[in-house]
C-alpha atoms as a PDB file:
ATOM      1  CA  MET A   1       0.000   0.000   0.000  1.00  0.00           C
ATOM      2  CA  SER A   2       1.537   3.308  -1.054  1.00  0.00           C
ATOM      3  CA  ASP A   3       1.810   6.369   1.195  1.00  0.00           C
ATOM      4  CA  TRP A   4       1.153   8.855  -1.593  1.00  0.00           C
ATOM      5  CA  ASN A   5      -1.741   9.946  -3.776  1.00  0.00           C
ATOM      6  CA  THR A   6       0.092  11.495  -6.731  1.00  0.00           C
ATOM      7  CA  GLU A   7       3.382  11.022  -8.549  1.00  0.00           C
ATOM      8  CA  ALA A   8       4.563  14.372  -7.221  1.00  0.00           C
ATOM      9  CA  GLU A   9       3.956  13.171  -3.661  1.00  0.00           C
ATOM     10  CA  MET A  10       5.899   9.979  -4.419  1.00  0.00           C
ATOM     11  CA  PHE A  11       8.862  11.985  -5.711  1.00  0.00           C
ATOM     12  CA  ASP A  12       8.797  14.229  -2.644  1.00  0.00           C
ATOM     13  CA  LEU A  13       8.743  11.163  -0.402  1.00  0.00           C
ATOM     14  CA  MET A  14      11.667   9.621  -2.268  1.00  0.00           C
ATOM     15  CA  LYS A  15      13.758  12.751  -1.841  1.00  0.00           C
ATOM     16  CA  ALA A  16      12.844  13.087   1.812  1.00  0.00           C
ATOM     17  CA  LYS A  17      13.213   9.493   3.020  1.00  0.00           C
ATOM     18  CA  LEU A  18      15.189   7.430   0.500  1.00  0.00           C
ATOM     19  CA  TYR A  19      18.772   7.228  -0.690  1.00  0.00           C
ATOM     20  CA  THR A  20      20.180   5.424  -3.713  1.00  0.00           C
ATOM     21  CA  PRO A  21      21.932   2.572  -1.856  1.00  0.00           C
ATOM     22  CA  VAL A  22      18.697   1.305  -0.295  1.00  0.00           C
ATOM     23  CA  VAL A  23      16.766   1.576  -3.574  1.00  0.00           C
ATOM     24  CA  GLY A  24      19.592  -0.181  -5.416  1.00  0.00           C
ATOM     25  CA  ASP A  25      19.462  -3.011  -2.873  1.00  0.00           C
ATOM     26  CA  ILE A  26      15.742  -3.487  -3.503  1.00  0.00           C
ATOM     27  CA  LEU A  27      16.278  -3.538  -7.259  1.00  0.00           C
ATOM     28  CA  ASP A  28      18.986  -6.174  -6.808  1.00  0.00           C
ATOM     29  CA  VAL A  29      16.649  -8.383  -4.750  1.00  0.00           C
ATOM     30  CA  MET A  30      13.967  -8.021  -7.433  1.00  0.00           C
ATOM     31  CA  GLY A  31      16.424  -9.171 -10.107  1.00  0.00           C
ATOM     32  CA  TYR A  32      17.194  -5.762 -11.639  1.00  0.00           C
ATOM     33  CA  THR A  33      20.952  -5.804 -11.115  1.00  0.00           C
ATOM     34  CA  HIS A  34      22.095  -3.255 -13.698  1.00  0.00           C
ATOM     35  CA  GLN A  35      20.202  -0.078 -12.841  1.00  0.00           C
ATOM     36  CA  PHE A  36      22.939   2.312 -11.718  1.00  0.00           C
ATOM     37  CA  LEU A  37      24.366   4.758 -14.223  1.00  0.00           C
ATOM     38  CA  PRO A  38      28.186   4.936 -14.420  1.00  0.00           C
ATOM     39  CA  GLN A  39      29.876   6.266 -11.290  1.00  0.00           C
ATOM     40  CA  ALA A  40      31.304   9.229 -13.211  1.00  0.00           C
ATOM     41  CA  ILE A  41      27.834  10.827 -13.391  1.00  0.00           C
ATOM     42  CA  ARG A  42      27.750  12.943 -10.248  1.00  0.00           C
ATOM     43  CA  PRO A  43      25.792  15.882  -8.790  1.00  0.00           C
ATOM     44  CA  ILE A  44      27.573  19.117  -9.666  1.00  0.00           C
ATOM     45  CA  LYS A  45      27.157  20.238  -6.051  1.00  0.00           C
ATOM     46  CA  GLU A  46      27.019  18.225  -2.847  1.00  0.00           C
ATOM     47  CA  GLY A  47      23.486  17.938  -1.484  1.00  0.00           C
ATOM     48  CA  MET A  48      21.721  17.864  -4.841  1.00  0.00           C
ATOM     49  CA  LYS A  49      19.046  15.182  -5.064  1.00  0.00           C
ATOM     50  CA  LEU A  50      16.540  14.386  -7.791  1.00  0.00           C
ATOM     51  CA  ALA A  51      13.526  12.161  -8.357  1.00  0.00           C
ATOM     52  CA  GLY A  52      11.274  12.293 -11.394  1.00  0.00           C
ATOM     53  CA  LYS A  53      10.331  10.785 -14.738  1.00  0.00           C
ATOM     54  CA  ALA A  54      12.869  10.356 -17.513  1.00  0.00           C
ATOM     55  CA  MET A  55      12.571  12.459 -20.644  1.00  0.00           C
ATOM     56  CA  THR A  56      15.143  10.658 -22.746  1.00  0.00           C
ATOM     57  CA  VAL A  57      17.394  12.427 -25.261  1.00  0.00           C
ATOM     58  CA  LEU A  58      19.731  10.955 -27.881  1.00  0.00           C
ATOM     59  CA  MET A  59      22.725  12.890 -29.214  1.00  0.00           C
ATOM     60  CA  ILE A  60      25.377  12.344 -31.901  1.00  0.00           C
ATOM     61  CA  ASP A  61      28.703  13.918 -32.790  1.00  0.00           C
ATOM     62  CA  VAL A  62      28.839  16.385 -35.700  1.00  0.00           C
ATOM     63  CA  TYR A  63      31.807  18.155 -37.218  1.00  0.00           C
ATOM     64  CA  GLY A  64      31.616  21.838 -38.047  1.00  0.00           C
ATOM     65  CA  PRO A  65      28.752  24.277 -38.688  1.00  0.00           C
ATOM     66  CA  GLN A  66      25.350  22.622 -39.197  1.00  0.00           C
ATOM     67  CA  LYS A  67      22.303  23.601 -41.244  1.00  0.00           C
ATOM     68  CA  LYS A  68      20.357  23.261 -37.975  1.00  0.00           C
ATOM     69  CA  PRO A  69      22.703  23.927 -35.046  1.00  0.00           C
ATOM     70  CA  PHE A  70      22.011  21.766 -31.982  1.00  0.00           C
ATOM     71  CA  GLY A  71      19.600  19.548 -33.953  1.00  0.00           C
ATOM     72  CA  LEU A  72      16.358  18.948 -32.036  1.00  0.00           C
ATOM     73  CA  LEU A  73      17.652  20.403 -28.772  1.00  0.00           C
ATOM     74  CA  THR A  74      15.178  23.269 -28.468  1.00  0.00           C
ATOM     75  CA  GLU A  75      12.274  21.034 -29.482  1.00  0.00           C
ATOM     76  CA  ALA A  76      13.258  18.560 -26.763  1.00  0.00           C
ATOM     77  CA  LEU A  77      13.491  21.323 -24.162  1.00  0.00           C
ATOM     78  CA  ASP A  78      10.231  22.973 -25.153  1.00  0.00           C
ATOM     79  CA  GLN A  79       8.133  19.861 -24.549  1.00  0.00           C
ATOM     80  CA  LEU A  80       9.528  19.031 -21.111  1.00  0.00           C
ATOM     81  CA  LYS A  81       6.766  18.466 -18.572  1.00  0.00           C
ATOM     82  CA  GLU A  82       6.381  18.967 -14.844  1.00  0.00           C
ATOM     83  CA  ASN A  83       8.318  16.436 -12.731  1.00  0.00           C
ATOM     84  CA  GLU A  84      10.390  15.240 -15.683  1.00  0.00           C
ATOM     85  CA  ILE A  85      14.162  14.860 -15.813  1.00  0.00           C
ATOM     86  CA  TYR A  86      16.102  15.613 -18.992  1.00  0.00           C
ATOM     87  CA  ILE A  87      18.457  12.643 -19.416  1.00  0.00           C
ATOM     88  CA  ALA A  88      20.833  12.656 -22.388  1.00  0.00           C
ATOM     89  CA  THR A  89      23.493  10.433 -23.893  1.00  0.00           C
ATOM     90  CA  GLY A  90      25.287   9.878 -27.190  1.00  0.00           C
ATOM     91  CA  GLY A  91      28.395  11.060 -28.950  1.00  0.00           C
ATOM     92  CA  THR A  92      31.898  10.996 -27.527  1.00  0.00           C
ATOM     93  CA  LYS A  93      31.733  13.821 -24.969  1.00  0.00           C
ATOM     94  CA  ARG A  94      33.573  16.310 -27.191  1.00  0.00           C
ATOM     95  CA  CYS A  95      31.770  19.285 -25.639  1.00  0.00           C
ATOM     96  CA  ALA A  96      29.319  20.410 -22.979  1.00  0.00           C
ATOM     97  CA  TYR A  97      25.791  19.020 -23.251  1.00  0.00           C
ATOM     98  CA  TRP A  98      24.183  21.407 -20.737  1.00  0.00           C
ATOM     99  CA  GLY A  99      24.483  24.964 -19.492  1.00  0.00           C
ATOM    100  CA  GLU A 100      22.885  28.098 -18.083  1.00  0.00           C
ATOM    101  CA  LEU A 101      20.109  28.670 -20.631  1.00  0.00           C
ATOM    102  CA  LEU A 102      19.106  25.022 -20.813  1.00  0.00           C
ATOM    103  CA  THR A 103      18.802  25.017 -17.026  1.00  0.00           C
ATOM    104  CA  ALA A 104      16.625  28.121 -17.112  1.00  0.00           C
ATOM    105  CA  THR A 105      14.365  26.604 -19.767  1.00  0.00           C
ATOM    106  CA  ALA A 106      13.923  23.266 -18.024  1.00  0.00           C
ATOM    107  CA  ARG A 107      13.431  24.845 -14.598  1.00  0.00           C
ATOM    108  CA  THR A 108      10.833  27.267 -15.935  1.00  0.00           C
ATOM    109  CA  ARG A 109       8.930  24.359 -17.449  1.00  0.00           C
ATOM    110  CA  LYS A 110       8.886  22.727 -13.974  1.00  0.00           C
ATOM    111  CA  ALA A 111      11.183  19.898 -14.900  1.00  0.00           C
ATOM    112  CA  VAL A 112      13.045  18.685 -11.822  1.00  0.00           C
ATOM    113  CA  GLY A 113      16.576  17.966 -12.991  1.00  0.00           C
ATOM    114  CA  ALA A 114      19.018  17.036 -15.713  1.00  0.00           C
ATOM    115  CA  VAL A 115      21.270  13.983 -16.012  1.00  0.00           C
ATOM    116  CA  LEU A 116      24.024  14.121 -18.617  1.00  0.00           C
ATOM    117  CA  ASP A 117      26.212  11.290 -19.812  1.00  0.00           C
ATOM    118  CA  GLY A 118      28.707  14.028 -20.603  1.00  0.00           C
ATOM    119  CA  TRP A 119      29.837  17.463 -19.481  1.00  0.00           C
ATOM    120  CA  HIS A 120      28.072  20.623 -18.377  1.00  0.00           C
ATOM    121  CA  ARG A 121      29.334  24.224 -18.523  1.00  0.00           C
ATOM    122  CA  ASP A 122      28.369  27.675 -17.150  1.00  0.00           C
ATOM    123  CA  THR A 123      28.826  26.138 -13.723  1.00  0.00           C
ATOM    124  CA  PRO A 124      28.368  29.299 -11.597  1.00  0.00           C
ATOM    125  CA  GLN A 125      25.300  30.321 -13.608  1.00  0.00           C
ATOM    126  CA  VAL A 126      23.805  26.843 -13.296  1.00  0.00           C
ATOM    127  CA  LEU A 127      24.495  26.666  -9.566  1.00  0.00           C
ATOM    128  CA  GLU A 128      22.885  30.030  -8.860  1.00  0.00           C
ATOM    129  CA  GLN A 129      19.601  28.653 -10.221  1.00  0.00           C
ATOM    130  CA  ASN A 130      19.549  26.080  -7.383  1.00  0.00           C
ATOM    131  CA  TRP A 131      18.344  23.273  -9.638  1.00  0.00           C
ATOM    132  CA  PRO A 132      19.807  19.740  -9.689  1.00  0.00           C
ATOM    133  CA  VAL A 133      22.178  18.808 -12.505  1.00  0.00           C
ATOM    134  CA  PHE A 134      24.185  15.575 -12.605  1.00  0.00           C
ATOM    135  CA  SER A 135      27.020  15.198 -15.117  1.00  0.00           C
ATOM    136  CA  CYS A 136      30.493  13.745 -15.657  1.00  0.00           C
ATOM    137  CA  GLY A 137      32.059  17.125 -14.859  1.00  0.00           C
ATOM    138  CA  CYS A 138      32.490  20.577 -16.344  1.00  0.00           C
ATOM    139  CA  TYR A 139      33.987  21.522 -19.717  1.00  0.00           C
ATOM    140  CA  ALA A 140      33.423  24.863 -21.453  1.00  0.00           C
ATOM    141  CA  GLN A 141      33.629  23.761 -25.094  1.00  0.00           C
ATOM    142  CA  ASP A 142      30.410  24.577 -26.993  1.00  0.00           C
ATOM    143  CA  SER A 143      28.156  21.978 -28.607  1.00  0.00           C
ATOM    144  CA  SER A 144      26.858  23.897 -31.648  1.00  0.00           C
ATOM    145  CA  VAL A 145      29.540  22.634 -34.047  1.00  0.00           C
ATOM    146  CA  ARG A 146      30.259  19.361 -32.200  1.00  0.00           C
ATOM    147  CA  THR A 147      27.013  17.591 -31.307  1.00  0.00           C
ATOM    148  CA  GLN A 148      23.287  17.677 -31.865  1.00  0.00           C
ATOM    149  CA  VAL A 149      20.117  16.089 -30.552  1.00  0.00           C
ATOM    150  CA  VAL A 150      18.748  13.600 -33.084  1.00  0.00           C
ATOM    151  CA  ASP A 151      15.797  12.156 -31.136  1.00  0.00           C
ATOM    152  CA  PHE A 152      13.987  12.367 -27.808  1.00  0.00           C
ATOM    153  CA  ARG A 153      11.444  10.308 -25.887  1.00  0.00           C
ATOM    154  CA  CYS A 154      13.183   7.258 -27.323  1.00  0.00           C
ATOM    155  CA  PRO A 155      14.996   4.328 -25.678  1.00  0.00           C
ATOM    156  CA  ILE A 156      18.588   5.139 -24.715  1.00  0.00           C
ATOM    157  CA  GLU A 157      21.432   3.278 -23.018  1.00  0.00           C
ATOM    158  CA  ILE A 158      23.902   4.680 -20.498  1.00  0.00           C
ATOM    159  CA  GLY A 159      26.503   2.220 -19.286  1.00  0.00           C
ATOM    160  CA  GLN A 160      24.679  -1.040 -18.543  1.00  0.00           C
ATOM    161  CA  VAL A 161      21.276   0.610 -18.199  1.00  0.00           C
ATOM    162  CA  THR A 162      18.526   0.770 -20.811  1.00  0.00           C
ATOM    163  CA  ILE A 163      16.274   3.752 -20.113  1.00  0.00           C
ATOM    164  CA  GLU A 164      12.774   4.187 -21.480  1.00  0.00           C
ATOM    165  CA  ASP A 165      10.951   7.488 -21.582  1.00  0.00           C
ATOM    166  CA  GLY A 166       8.918   7.725 -18.366  1.00  0.00           C
ATOM    167  CA  ASP A 167      11.136   5.484 -16.248  1.00  0.00           C
ATOM    168  CA  ILE A 168      11.854   6.838 -12.772  1.00  0.00           C
ATOM    169  CA  ILE A 169      15.216   8.514 -12.188  1.00  0.00           C
ATOM    170  CA  PHE A 170      16.565   8.848  -8.657  1.00  0.00           C
ATOM    171  CA  GLY A 171      19.884  10.479  -7.829  1.00  0.00           C
ATOM    172  CA  ASP A 172      21.888  11.669  -4.838  1.00  0.00           C
ATOM    173  CA  ILE A 173      25.496  11.976  -3.669  1.00  0.00           C
ATOM    174  CA  ASP A 174      26.052   8.218  -4.162  1.00  0.00           C
ATOM    175  CA  GLY A 175      24.936   8.084  -7.803  1.00  0.00           C
ATOM    176  CA  VAL A 176      21.981   7.861 -10.156  1.00  0.00           C
ATOM    177  CA  LEU A 177      19.748   4.848 -10.733  1.00  0.00           C
ATOM    178  CA  VAL A 178      16.838   4.013 -13.010  1.00  0.00           C
ATOM    179  CA  ILE A 179      13.634   2.337 -11.812  1.00  0.00           C
ATOM    180  CA  PRO A 180      11.637   0.787 -14.677  1.00  0.00           C
ATOM    181  CA  LYS A 181       8.234   2.475 -14.698  1.00  0.00           C
ATOM    182  CA  ALA A 182       6.333  -0.827 -14.590  1.00  0.00           C
ATOM    183  CA  ILE A 183       7.709  -1.658 -11.122  1.00  0.00           C
ATOM    184  CA  ALA A 184       8.188   1.848  -9.717  1.00  0.00           C
ATOM    185  CA  GLU A 185       5.473   1.765  -7.055  1.00  0.00           C
ATOM    186  CA  GLU A 186       6.553  -1.635  -5.737  1.00  0.00           C
ATOM    187  CA  VAL A 187      10.203  -0.562  -5.599  1.00  0.00           C
ATOM    188  CA  VAL A 188       9.451   2.655  -3.722  1.00  0.00           C
ATOM    189  CA  VAL A 189       7.182   0.912  -1.178  1.00  0.00           C
ATOM    190  CA  LYS A 190       9.791  -1.772  -0.492  1.00  0.00           C
ATOM    191  CA  SER A 191      12.576   0.821  -0.328  1.00  0.00           C
ATOM    192  CA  LEU A 192      10.693   2.840   2.283  1.00  0.00           C
ATOM    193  CA  GLU A 193      10.241  -0.325   4.332  1.00  0.00           C
ATOM    194  CA  LYS A 194      13.940  -1.158   4.056  1.00  0.00           C
ATOM    195  CA  ALA A 195      15.017   2.371   4.973  1.00  0.00           C
ATOM    196  CA  SER A 196      12.835   2.200   8.081  1.00  0.00           C
ATOM    197  CA  GLY A 197      14.255  -1.215   8.955  1.00  0.00           C
ATOM    198  CA  GLU A 198      17.832   0.006   8.598  1.00  0.00           C
ATOM    199  CA  LYS A 199      17.159   2.709  11.176  1.00  0.00           C
ATOM    200  CA  LEU A 200      16.095   0.001  13.628  1.00  0.00           C
ATOM    201  CA  VAL A 201      19.230  -2.024  12.918  1.00  0.00           C
ATOM    202  CA  ARG A 202      21.466   0.989  13.414  1.00  0.00           C
ATOM    203  CA  LYS A 203      19.828   1.797  16.738  1.00  0.00           C
ATOM    204  CA  ALA A 204      20.185  -1.800  17.884  1.00  0.00           C
ATOM    205  CA  ILE A 205      23.895  -1.815  16.984  1.00  0.00           C
ATOM    206  CA  GLU A 206      24.448   1.543  18.675  1.00  0.00           C
ATOM    207  CA  ASP A 207      22.707   0.113  21.759  1.00  0.00           C
ATOM    208  CA  GLY A 208      25.218  -2.755  21.862  1.00  0.00           C
ATOM    209  CA  MET A 209      23.885  -5.537  19.611  1.00  0.00           C
ATOM    210  CA  SER A 210      26.512  -7.307  17.506  1.00  0.00           C
ATOM    211  CA  ALA A 211      26.343  -7.096  13.733  1.00  0.00           C
ATOM    212  CA  THR A 212      25.814 -10.868  13.582  1.00  0.00           C
ATOM    213  CA  ASP A 213      22.885 -10.752  16.000  1.00  0.00           C
ATOM    214  CA  ALA A 214      21.420  -7.716  14.271  1.00  0.00           C
ATOM    215  CA  PHE A 215      21.469  -9.446  10.898  1.00  0.00           C
ATOM    216  CA  ALA A 216      19.962 -12.608  12.426  1.00  0.00           C
ATOM    217  CA  LYS A 217      17.145 -10.588  13.996  1.00  0.00           C
ATOM    218  CA  PHE A 218      16.384  -8.040  11.302  1.00  0.00           C
ATOM    219  CA  GLY A 219      17.846  -9.562   8.120  1.00  0.00           C
ATOM    220  CA  ILE A 220      19.229  -6.150   7.167  1.00  0.00           C
ATOM    221  CA  LEU A 221      22.852  -5.007   7.152  1.00  0.00           C
END
């Protein structure tokens, strides 16, 4: 039985009470053992956390001035919806995939974050907007003559993870994972139960119980 009435409430609950290790453990138990994005994809500032629905974006490398600079980038941005996360991959990371104006656009459209399998730029201007961005790091080189968006709301792959449009993205200081949309509610309910159980185990250990006895009693460690 879920403790929320809307998706927005679920995302708020995830950010307030969950953390990626406990959700990853639940996914492992359920047989979904390849749901974490590569470790290099990190929040650009400590404390950033995101939970929302994937809006998938596919990019390719290009070489030199294009008839349509950036490809379908603006079209992808302009149809972002509330509680969605712009998640992009493709190309060989020759330039920044995200920056100040993209952040402003997505934030204004009530999207809740961006995840880039690549670099971001305009770091101070992005940070001042207080909006979560996860990337492989910062790099100022522009994308207009080096990459373009060729499709969006399509299946993508990042590392070992296949991501469908509408899957649930959850990220914090320990990484970013993908929850397939078909099992999202079950995963979140079980993760909340596990997080609550881990608090009990910690208290028992701090009160003097051995790790062996705690695992035997609670089955959580």
